Amino acid sequence: MKIGILHYSSPPIVGGVESVIADHARLMTKAGHHVTILTGRGKSFEKQIPIRVIPRLDSRHAEVMHVKSQLDEGLCQEPFEILKSKIKNDLIKELDQLDVLIAHNIASLHKNLALTAALHELLTEHKLPRLILWHHDLAWTTPRYRSELHNGYPWDLLRIPWDQATQVVISEMRQVELCRLQAIPDKSIRVIPNGVDINRFFKLEPQTIQLIEKTNMMEADPLFLLPVRITPRKNIELAVRVLAELKKDLPNAMLLVTGPEGPHNPANAAYKLKIQNLIKEENLQGSAILLADISPGFLPDPVIADFYKLADALLFPSREEGFGIPVIEAGFSAIPVFCSDIPPFRELGEGDITYFNPDAAPERIAKKIIVRLLSEATLRWSRRAKHKYAWNAIYSHFIEPVLEEG
């Protein structure tokens, strides 16, 4: 699909909408679409995303600012019509090859009303590809803009529904405002929130990103981290059985065991096979993940550190440890710790982490974990934020269906 994204400016110009445009363009390109950004001001920021700079689209273009100064006084005069015609001609040259045009804020803000009017005329003349109006801000519902808005054309273009266009807003609040403004049913307006690119936010290693894609670990809720080598004293089988119990209440729970087999004992190969068989017996394939099955060998420290950023909790059921560095690393990462009640862990965590008897029934351990997971508001919000507001999830659940509708 050939998609155009239209806005007054684009990266490297700094702004909330500009940032969203960049993320949308990356997501759509990754999904196999051909994306072109149509902007009044901006430069190339990704080699595979073309930028078409059309100066009159810019809200700060000299002609645009001159016309706006007249419009702010309630005067729609000949310079507006001349500018509108120029912009209309500029746009027509770029639209022939597009299947979809996404216009950000053009039909809701008055920063370049000649552009708004030109786009509306092209729509009514059936000279546009499928149009999606993406509303971040609404001029008519923002008190600070009231003095710059007036009844009639072209200001009314910002408060009437555009027939045949798909409307998207970024929050339920904006949906309510737009419904009232245009006197239309809320079901006619999609709510698609903004998000965060987890890979870029956490500055994840390329190897981490590859492992995420292979394991679907970003679908986990919650994700338990067990950063150990596969050796019997780590008591990995208990973690697997606890996961089986957890999934009765938390069906998307996942356990990530990061290490390879221990290097010094030949019996570790048999232990790994035991864990693999247990995973099959508990029907936990895809939920209990041994990274050694996917990426044999040693994972570098930066990759392990990435997993702490992504995990919701440390699950550490060792029967024997001399110290317990993962407990400290979990503390640095501000994630809760669930670990066996052995002296080194008590010494480290004192009363601030959750302990369990390594011989306790898995269902009892699972219950203790669930109680804490549900009781901590920050942890609950962290889990929800990562699942609801990660761009990959937003794209697959909301953006892609809207693109495919037409």
Protein backbone atom coordinates (compact mmCIF):
# COMPACT_ATOMS: atom_id res chain seq x y z
CA MET A 1 0.00 0.00 0.00
CA LYS A 2 1.24 3.50 -0.83
CA ILE A 3 0.61 5.84 2.09
CA GLY A 4 1.10 9.59 2.38
CA ILE A 5 1.39 11.30 5.76
CA LEU A 6 0.57 15.02 5.69
CA HIS A 7 1.45 17.64 8.30
CA TYR A 8 2.78 21.17 8.57
CA SER A 9 6.21 19.92 9.65
CA SER A 10 8.05 16.66 10.26
CA PRO A 11 11.28 15.50 11.91
CA PRO A 12 13.85 16.69 12.69
CA ILE A 13 11.44 19.45 13.78
CA VAL A 14 10.75 18.70 17.45
CA GLY A 15 7.13 18.29 18.49
CA GLY A 16 4.63 15.75 19.73
CA VAL A 17 2.83 15.32 16.41
CA GLU A 18 6.13 15.22 14.53
CA SER A 19 7.33 12.43 16.81
CA VAL A 20 4.13 10.46 16.26
CA ILE A 21 4.44 10.90 12.49
CA ALA A 22 7.96 9.47 12.58
CA ASP A 23 6.83 6.46 14.62
CA HIS A 24 3.84 5.85 12.35
CA ALA A 25 6.04 6.04 9.27
CA ARG A 26 8.52 3.54 10.73
CA LEU A 27 5.77 1.11 11.74
CA MET A 28 4.05 1.27 8.37
CA THR A 29 7.32 0.85 6.51
CA LYS A 30 8.25 -2.15 8.68
CA ALA A 31 4.86 -3.66 7.81
CA GLY A 32 5.75 -3.46 4.11
CA HIS A 33 3.94 -0.29 3.08
CA HIS A 34 5.52 2.48 1.01
CA VAL A 35 5.31 5.66 3.06
CA THR A 36 5.92 9.23 1.90
CA ILE A 37 5.79 12.20 4.25
CA LEU A 38 4.33 15.39 2.75
CA THR A 39 5.47 18.33 4.84
CA GLY A 40 6.11 22.03 4.77
CA ARG A 41 9.29 21.79 6.82
CA GLY A 42 11.54 18.82 7.59
CA LYS A 43 14.38 16.61 6.39
CA SER A 44 15.02 12.95 5.76
CA PHE A 45 15.30 11.01 9.02
CA GLU A 46 15.10 7.42 7.72
CA LYS A 47 16.68 6.30 4.47
CA GLN A 48 13.64 4.23 3.43
CA ILE A 49 11.04 6.96 4.16
CA PRO A 50 10.93 9.66 1.45
CA ILE A 51 10.21 13.26 2.42
CA ARG A 52 8.44 15.65 0.05
CA VAL A 53 8.93 19.23 1.27
CA ILE A 54 6.19 21.52 -0.03
CA PRO A 55 6.96 24.89 1.58
CA ARG A 56 3.39 26.28 1.54
CA LEU A 57 2.24 23.44 3.81
CA ASP A 58 4.31 24.95 6.62
CA SER A 59 2.37 26.90 9.22
CA ARG A 60 5.29 29.34 9.36
CA HIS A 61 5.61 29.99 5.62
CA ALA A 62 5.54 33.74 4.90
CA GLU A 63 2.39 33.59 2.73
CA VAL A 64 0.64 31.36 5.25
CA MET A 65 1.44 33.66 8.16
CA HIS A 66 0.26 36.72 6.20
CA VAL A 67 -3.06 35.04 5.41
CA LYS A 68 -3.42 33.81 8.98
CA SER A 69 -2.99 37.33 10.33
CA GLN A 70 -6.00 38.37 8.20
CA LEU A 71 -8.02 35.29 9.16
CA ASP A 72 -7.38 35.88 12.85
CA GLU A 73 -9.14 39.23 12.42
CA GLY A 74 -12.08 37.52 10.75
CA LEU A 75 -11.06 38.53 7.21
CA CYS A 76 -11.16 35.89 4.47
CA GLN A 77 -9.87 37.80 1.46
CA GLU A 78 -8.28 37.28 -1.94
CA PRO A 79 -4.82 36.29 -0.60
CA PHE A 80 -6.48 33.32 1.11
CA GLU A 81 -8.05 32.13 -2.17
CA ILE A 82 -4.77 32.57 -4.05
CA LEU A 83 -2.84 30.63 -1.44
CA LYS A 84 -5.47 27.90 -1.34
CA SER A 85 -5.21 27.43 -5.11
CA LYS A 86 -1.43 27.21 -4.96
CA ILE A 87 -1.54 24.60 -2.20
CA LYS A 88 -4.21 22.66 -4.07
CA ASN A 89 -1.99 22.49 -7.14
CA ASP A 90 1.00 21.49 -4.98
CA LEU A 91 -0.96 18.63 -3.46
CA ILE A 92 -2.40 17.29 -6.71
CA LYS A 93 1.13 16.67 -7.99
CA GLU A 94 1.84 14.36 -5.05
CA LEU A 95 -1.43 12.43 -4.72
CA ASP A 96 -1.68 10.41 -7.92
CA GLN A 97 0.18 7.36 -6.69
CA LEU A 98 -1.22 7.20 -3.15
CA ASP A 99 -3.75 4.67 -1.86
CA VAL A 100 -4.22 6.42 1.49
CA LEU A 101 -3.54 9.95 2.73
CA ILE A 102 -3.30 10.53 6.49
CA ALA A 103 -3.65 14.20 7.45
CA HIS A 104 -2.52 15.07 10.98
CA ASN A 105 -4.34 18.03 12.55
CA ILE A 106 -5.10 19.59 9.15
CA ALA A 107 -8.88 19.30 9.67
CA SER A 108 -8.83 20.31 13.33
CA LEU A 109 -6.33 23.19 13.74
CA HIS A 110 -6.23 26.62 12.11
CA LYS A 111 -2.46 26.84 11.65
CA ASN A 112 -2.83 26.79 7.86
CA LEU A 113 -6.48 27.16 6.90
CA ALA A 114 -5.62 27.52 3.22
CA LEU A 115 -4.23 23.98 3.39
CA THR A 116 -7.35 22.83 5.24
CA ALA A 117 -9.60 24.37 2.59
CA ALA A 118 -7.53 22.99 -0.29
CA LEU A 119 -7.68 19.49 1.17
CA HIS A 120 -11.45 19.76 1.72
CA GLU A 121 -12.03 20.91 -1.86
CA LEU A 122 -9.99 18.01 -3.22
CA LEU A 123 -12.08 15.64 -1.11
CA THR A 124 -15.40 17.04 -2.34
CA GLU A 125 -14.10 16.93 -5.92
CA HIS A 126 -13.16 13.24 -5.46
CA LYS A 127 -9.53 13.99 -6.25
CA LEU A 128 -8.07 12.41 -3.12
CA PRO A 129 -7.13 8.86 -2.28
CA ARG A 130 -8.81 7.42 0.80
CA LEU A 131 -8.47 10.13 3.47
CA ILE A 132 -7.83 9.56 7.18
CA LEU A 133 -8.08 12.67 9.37
CA TRP A 134 -5.92 12.18 12.46
CA HIS A 135 -6.89 14.68 15.16
CA HIS A 136 -4.44 15.42 17.97
CA ASP A 137 -5.80 18.87 18.90
CA LEU A 138 -9.12 20.61 18.28
CA ALA A 139 -9.03 24.37 17.78
CA TRP A 140 -12.73 24.89 18.46
CA THR A 141 -12.58 23.23 21.88
CA THR A 142 -9.39 24.99 23.01
CA PRO A 143 -10.13 28.27 24.87
CA ARG A 144 -6.84 29.94 23.96
CA TYR A 145 -7.74 29.79 20.26
CA ARG A 146 -11.24 31.29 20.52
CA SER A 147 -10.18 34.81 19.60
CA GLU A 148 -8.66 33.50 16.35
CA LEU A 149 -11.76 31.59 15.23
CA HIS A 150 -14.87 33.02 13.58
CA ASN A 151 -18.19 31.76 12.29
CA GLY A 152 -18.39 30.77 8.66
CA TYR A 153 -15.94 29.65 6.02
CA PRO A 154 -13.13 28.60 6.32
CA TRP A 155 -13.17 28.31 10.13
CA ASP A 156 -16.22 26.04 10.06
CA LEU A 157 -14.19 23.42 8.18
CA LEU A 158 -12.63 22.65 11.56
CA ARG A 159 -15.96 21.75 13.19
CA ILE A 160 -17.95 19.93 10.51
CA PRO A 161 -17.65 16.25 9.59
CA TRP A 162 -15.87 15.63 6.31
CA ASP A 163 -17.99 13.17 4.36
CA GLN A 164 -16.18 10.03 3.19
CA ALA A 165 -13.14 10.67 5.43
CA THR A 166 -12.20 8.36 8.29
CA GLN A 167 -11.73 10.23 11.57
CA VAL A 168 -9.22 9.23 14.24
CA VAL A 169 -8.55 10.86 17.60
CA ILE A 170 -5.83 10.08 20.13
CA SER A 171 -7.93 9.78 23.31
CA GLU A 172 -11.46 9.19 24.55
CA MET A 173 -11.55 12.81 25.73
CA ARG A 174 -10.89 14.01 22.19
CA GLN A 175 -13.54 11.59 20.93
CA VAL A 176 -16.14 13.14 23.23
CA GLU A 177 -15.09 16.67 22.23
CA LEU A 178 -15.24 15.90 18.51
CA CYS A 179 -18.60 14.14 18.79
CA ARG A 180 -20.11 17.19 20.50
CA LEU A 181 -18.43 19.60 18.11
CA GLN A 182 -19.63 17.84 14.97
CA ALA A 183 -22.87 16.42 16.41
CA ILE A 184 -22.00 12.92 15.25
CA PRO A 185 -22.09 9.52 17.04
CA ASP A 186 -18.95 8.50 18.87
CA LYS A 187 -18.83 5.15 17.04
CA SER A 188 -17.98 7.00 13.84
CA ILE A 189 -14.67 8.16 15.36
CA ARG A 190 -11.79 5.77 16.05
CA VAL A 191 -9.67 6.21 19.16
CA ILE A 192 -6.03 5.29 18.51
CA PRO A 193 -3.66 6.32 21.30
CA ASN A 194 -0.10 7.50 20.92
CA GLY A 195 2.61 5.15 22.07
CA VAL A 196 6.25 4.55 22.83
CA ASP A 197 8.78 2.58 20.80
CA ILE A 198 10.10 0.22 23.46
CA ASN A 199 13.19 -0.70 21.47
CA ARG A 200 14.23 2.93 21.08
CA PHE A 201 13.14 4.01 24.56
CA PHE A 202 15.19 1.32 26.27
CA LYS A 203 17.97 1.48 23.64
CA LEU A 204 17.82 -2.29 23.26
CA GLU A 205 20.70 -4.24 21.77
CA PRO A 206 20.18 -5.64 18.23
CA GLN A 207 20.50 -9.19 19.62
CA THR A 208 17.82 -8.43 22.22
CA ILE A 209 15.45 -7.20 19.52
CA GLN A 210 16.04 -10.39 17.51
CA LEU A 211 15.26 -12.54 20.55
CA ILE A 212 12.11 -10.53 21.28
CA GLU A 213 10.89 -11.18 17.76
CA LYS A 214 11.66 -14.90 17.99
CA THR A 215 9.96 -15.43 21.34
CA ASN A 216 7.04 -12.95 21.28
CA MET A 217 8.04 -12.06 24.83
CA MET A 218 6.42 -8.64 24.49
CA GLU A 219 3.08 -10.45 24.55
CA ALA A 220 3.89 -11.75 28.04
CA ASP A 221 1.86 -10.36 30.93
CA PRO A 222 3.66 -10.68 33.25
CA LEU A 223 7.17 -11.63 32.12
CA PHE A 224 9.24 -13.45 34.77
CA LEU A 225 13.01 -13.40 34.38
CA LEU A 226 15.28 -16.23 35.53
CA PRO A 227 18.84 -15.21 34.54
CA VAL A 228 20.70 -18.43 35.37
CA ARG A 229 22.65 -21.24 33.74
CA ILE A 230 20.77 -24.51 33.34
CA THR A 231 22.05 -26.54 36.27
CA PRO A 232 20.12 -28.49 38.98
CA ARG A 233 20.93 -26.21 41.92
CA LYS A 234 19.06 -23.38 40.18
CA ASN A 235 15.83 -25.34 40.72
CA ILE A 236 14.41 -24.32 37.33
CA GLU A 237 11.77 -27.04 37.50
CA LEU A 238 10.09 -25.21 40.38
CA ALA A 239 9.92 -22.03 38.33
CA VAL A 240 8.29 -24.00 35.49
CA ARG A 241 5.71 -25.55 37.83
CA VAL A 242 4.99 -22.17 39.42
CA LEU A 243 4.43 -20.73 35.95
CA ALA A 244 1.90 -23.47 35.22
CA GLU A 245 -0.02 -22.44 38.33
CA LEU A 246 0.28 -18.73 37.56
CA LYS A 247 -1.21 -19.20 34.11
CA LYS A 248 -4.49 -20.35 35.65
CA ASP A 249 -5.03 -16.73 36.75
CA LEU A 250 -2.57 -14.96 34.42
CA PRO A 251 -2.92 -16.79 31.08
CA ASN A 252 -0.31 -14.64 29.34
CA ALA A 253 2.40 -15.16 31.95
CA MET A 254 5.81 -16.13 30.58
CA LEU A 255 9.09 -17.35 32.06
CA LEU A 256 12.40 -16.47 30.42
CA VAL A 257 15.47 -18.54 31.37
CA THR A 258 18.47 -16.79 29.88
CA GLY A 259 21.47 -19.06 30.41
CA PRO A 260 22.98 -22.04 28.61
CA GLU A 261 23.87 -25.31 30.31
CA GLY A 262 26.36 -25.06 33.13
CA PRO A 263 29.82 -25.65 31.61
CA HIS A 264 31.46 -27.86 34.21
CA ASN A 265 29.13 -30.81 34.86
CA PRO A 266 28.21 -33.32 32.11
CA ALA A 267 24.98 -34.03 34.02
CA ASN A 268 23.69 -30.58 33.05
CA ALA A 269 22.74 -31.87 29.59
CA ALA A 270 20.44 -34.41 31.22
CA TYR A 271 19.01 -31.68 33.46
CA LYS A 272 18.26 -29.50 30.45
CA LEU A 273 16.40 -32.41 28.84
CA LYS A 274 14.46 -32.85 32.07
CA ILE A 275 13.37 -29.20 31.97
CA GLN A 276 12.44 -29.43 28.29
CA ASN A 277 10.29 -32.50 29.00
CA LEU A 278 8.65 -30.78 31.97
CA ILE A 279 7.75 -27.80 29.78
CA LYS A 280 6.03 -30.19 27.37
CA GLU A 281 4.25 -32.04 30.18
CA GLU A 282 2.89 -28.78 31.55
CA ASN A 283 1.94 -27.63 28.04
CA LEU A 284 4.07 -24.51 28.44
CA GLN A 285 5.72 -24.42 25.03
CA GLY A 286 6.00 -20.76 24.07
CA SER A 287 5.44 -19.70 27.68
CA ALA A 288 8.47 -21.20 29.43
CA ILE A 289 11.37 -20.23 27.21
CA LEU A 290 14.92 -21.52 27.43
CA LEU A 291 16.94 -19.03 25.42
CA ALA A 292 19.60 -21.73 25.11
CA ASP A 293 17.23 -23.44 22.66
CA ILE A 294 17.10 -20.30 20.52
CA SER A 295 20.49 -18.69 20.98
CA PRO A 296 23.04 -21.27 22.20
CA GLY A 297 26.01 -19.95 24.09
CA PHE A 298 26.76 -16.93 26.17
CA LEU A 299 24.56 -13.83 26.02
CA PRO A 300 26.52 -10.62 26.63
CA ASP A 301 25.80 -8.53 29.71
CA PRO A 302 24.06 -5.70 27.78
CA VAL A 303 21.50 -8.20 26.47
CA ILE A 304 20.86 -9.57 29.96
CA ALA A 305 20.48 -5.99 31.19
CA ASP A 306 17.88 -5.44 28.47
CA PHE A 307 15.83 -8.34 29.80
CA TYR A 308 15.70 -6.68 33.20
CA LYS A 309 14.24 -3.60 31.50
CA LEU A 310 11.55 -5.71 29.86
CA ALA A 311 10.74 -8.08 32.72
CA ASP A 312 7.98 -7.53 35.25
CA ALA A 313 9.61 -9.58 38.02
CA LEU A 314 12.57 -11.75 38.94
CA LEU A 315 11.68 -15.37 39.79
CA PHE A 316 14.73 -16.94 41.43
CA PRO A 317 14.08 -20.35 43.06
CA SER A 318 17.70 -21.48 43.62
CA ARG A 319 18.32 -24.01 46.38
CA GLU A 320 21.95 -22.95 46.79
CA GLU A 321 23.77 -19.68 46.15
CA GLY A 322 26.89 -18.08 47.57
CA PHE A 323 25.61 -14.59 46.84
CA GLY A 324 22.86 -13.59 44.37
CA ILE A 325 23.79 -10.91 41.84
CA PRO A 326 20.42 -11.16 40.01
CA VAL A 327 18.71 -9.96 43.19
CA ILE A 328 20.83 -6.80 43.10
CA GLU A 329 20.30 -6.35 39.37
CA ALA A 330 16.55 -6.60 39.90
CA GLY A 331 16.87 -3.90 42.55
CA PHE A 332 18.73 -1.66 40.13
CA SER A 333 15.94 -2.32 37.61
CA ALA A 334 13.15 -1.58 40.13
CA ILE A 335 11.32 -4.86 39.53
CA PRO A 336 9.94 -7.06 42.33
CA VAL A 337 11.89 -10.12 43.42
CA PHE A 338 10.36 -13.53 44.20
CA CYS A 339 13.08 -15.85 45.46
CA SER A 340 13.79 -18.87 47.61
CA ASP A 341 14.24 -18.29 51.31
CA ILE A 342 17.94 -18.99 51.66
CA PRO A 343 20.48 -17.02 53.76
CA PRO A 344 22.29 -15.11 50.95
CA PHE A 345 18.98 -13.79 49.59
CA ARG A 346 17.78 -12.83 53.07
CA GLU A 347 21.03 -10.97 53.63
CA LEU A 348 20.63 -9.05 50.37
CA GLY A 349 16.94 -8.31 50.25
CA GLU A 350 16.18 -8.14 53.95
CA GLY A 351 12.45 -7.39 54.20
CA ASP A 352 12.00 -5.77 50.80
CA ILE A 353 11.63 -8.84 48.60
CA THR A 354 9.23 -11.78 48.62
CA TYR A 355 10.58 -15.14 49.80
CA PHE A 356 9.23 -18.66 49.47
CA ASN A 357 10.28 -22.10 50.66
CA PRO A 358 11.91 -23.87 47.70
CA ASP A 359 10.10 -27.04 48.80
CA ALA A 360 6.68 -25.37 48.98
CA ALA A 361 3.85 -26.42 46.70
CA PRO A 362 3.93 -24.49 43.41
CA GLU A 363 0.33 -23.33 43.87
CA ARG A 364 1.20 -21.69 47.21
CA ILE A 365 4.14 -19.86 45.67
CA ALA A 366 2.01 -18.76 42.73
CA LYS A 367 -0.65 -17.38 45.07
CA LYS A 368 1.96 -15.37 46.97
CA ILE A 369 3.28 -13.94 43.70
CA ILE A 370 -0.17 -12.98 42.44
CA VAL A 371 -1.05 -11.20 45.69
CA ARG A 372 1.99 -8.95 45.35
CA LEU A 373 1.60 -8.40 41.60
CA LEU A 374 -1.96 -7.20 42.11
CA SER A 375 -1.23 -5.09 45.17
CA GLU A 376 1.44 -2.79 43.73
CA ALA A 377 -0.06 0.05 41.69
CA THR A 378 3.23 1.04 40.06
CA LEU A 379 3.83 -2.51 38.89
CA ARG A 380 0.27 -2.83 37.60
CA TRP A 381 0.65 0.43 35.65
CA SER A 382 4.05 -0.62 34.30
CA ARG A 383 2.61 -3.85 32.94
CA ARG A 384 -0.40 -2.10 31.43
CA ALA A 385 1.70 0.67 29.88
CA LYS A 386 4.05 -1.79 28.18
CA HIS A 387 1.17 -3.76 26.72
CA LYS A 388 -1.33 -1.06 25.88
CA TYR A 389 0.95 1.78 24.79
CA ALA A 390 3.83 0.10 23.00
CA TRP A 391 3.78 1.17 19.35
CA ASN A 392 3.98 -2.38 18.01
CA ALA A 393 0.82 -3.32 19.91
CA ILE A 394 -0.98 -0.12 18.91
CA TYR A 395 -0.08 -0.71 15.27
CA SER A 396 -1.32 -4.30 15.14
CA HIS A 397 -4.47 -3.68 17.19
CA PHE A 398 -5.56 -0.29 15.84
CA ILE A 399 -3.55 1.30 13.03
CA GLU A 400 -3.28 -1.66 10.68
CA PRO A 401 -7.04 -2.40 10.78
CA VAL A 402 -7.83 1.22 9.93
CA LEU A 403 -5.40 1.13 7.00
CA GLU A 404 -6.87 -2.08 5.68
CA GLU A 405 -10.51 -0.93 5.89
CA GLY A 406 -10.65 0.84 2.56
